[in-house]
Amino acid sequence: MSAVPEEDREDDESQWRFALDEVGEDAEPDAPDPIEPETPSLENAAFVLLGVALSILLFYAALAGL
């Protein structure tokens, strides 16, 4: 059904809001390729560990200041 009320709609306007090609199989986008997990590299693991160490240090400094 149209979102426009009947009294505001012109005679030549269709009562359907979407055409079939907009809601049918043609409208569905292709599924994206799945993301495959990879093995973590040493560099990435080092940065994660550095972030964890800095976070622990920050929490320790904040709690020690109380």
Foldseek 3Di string as FASTA:
>chain_A
DDPDDPVPDDPPDDPDPDDCCCPDPVVDDDDDDDDDDDDDDPVVVVVVVVVVVVVVVVVVVVVVVD
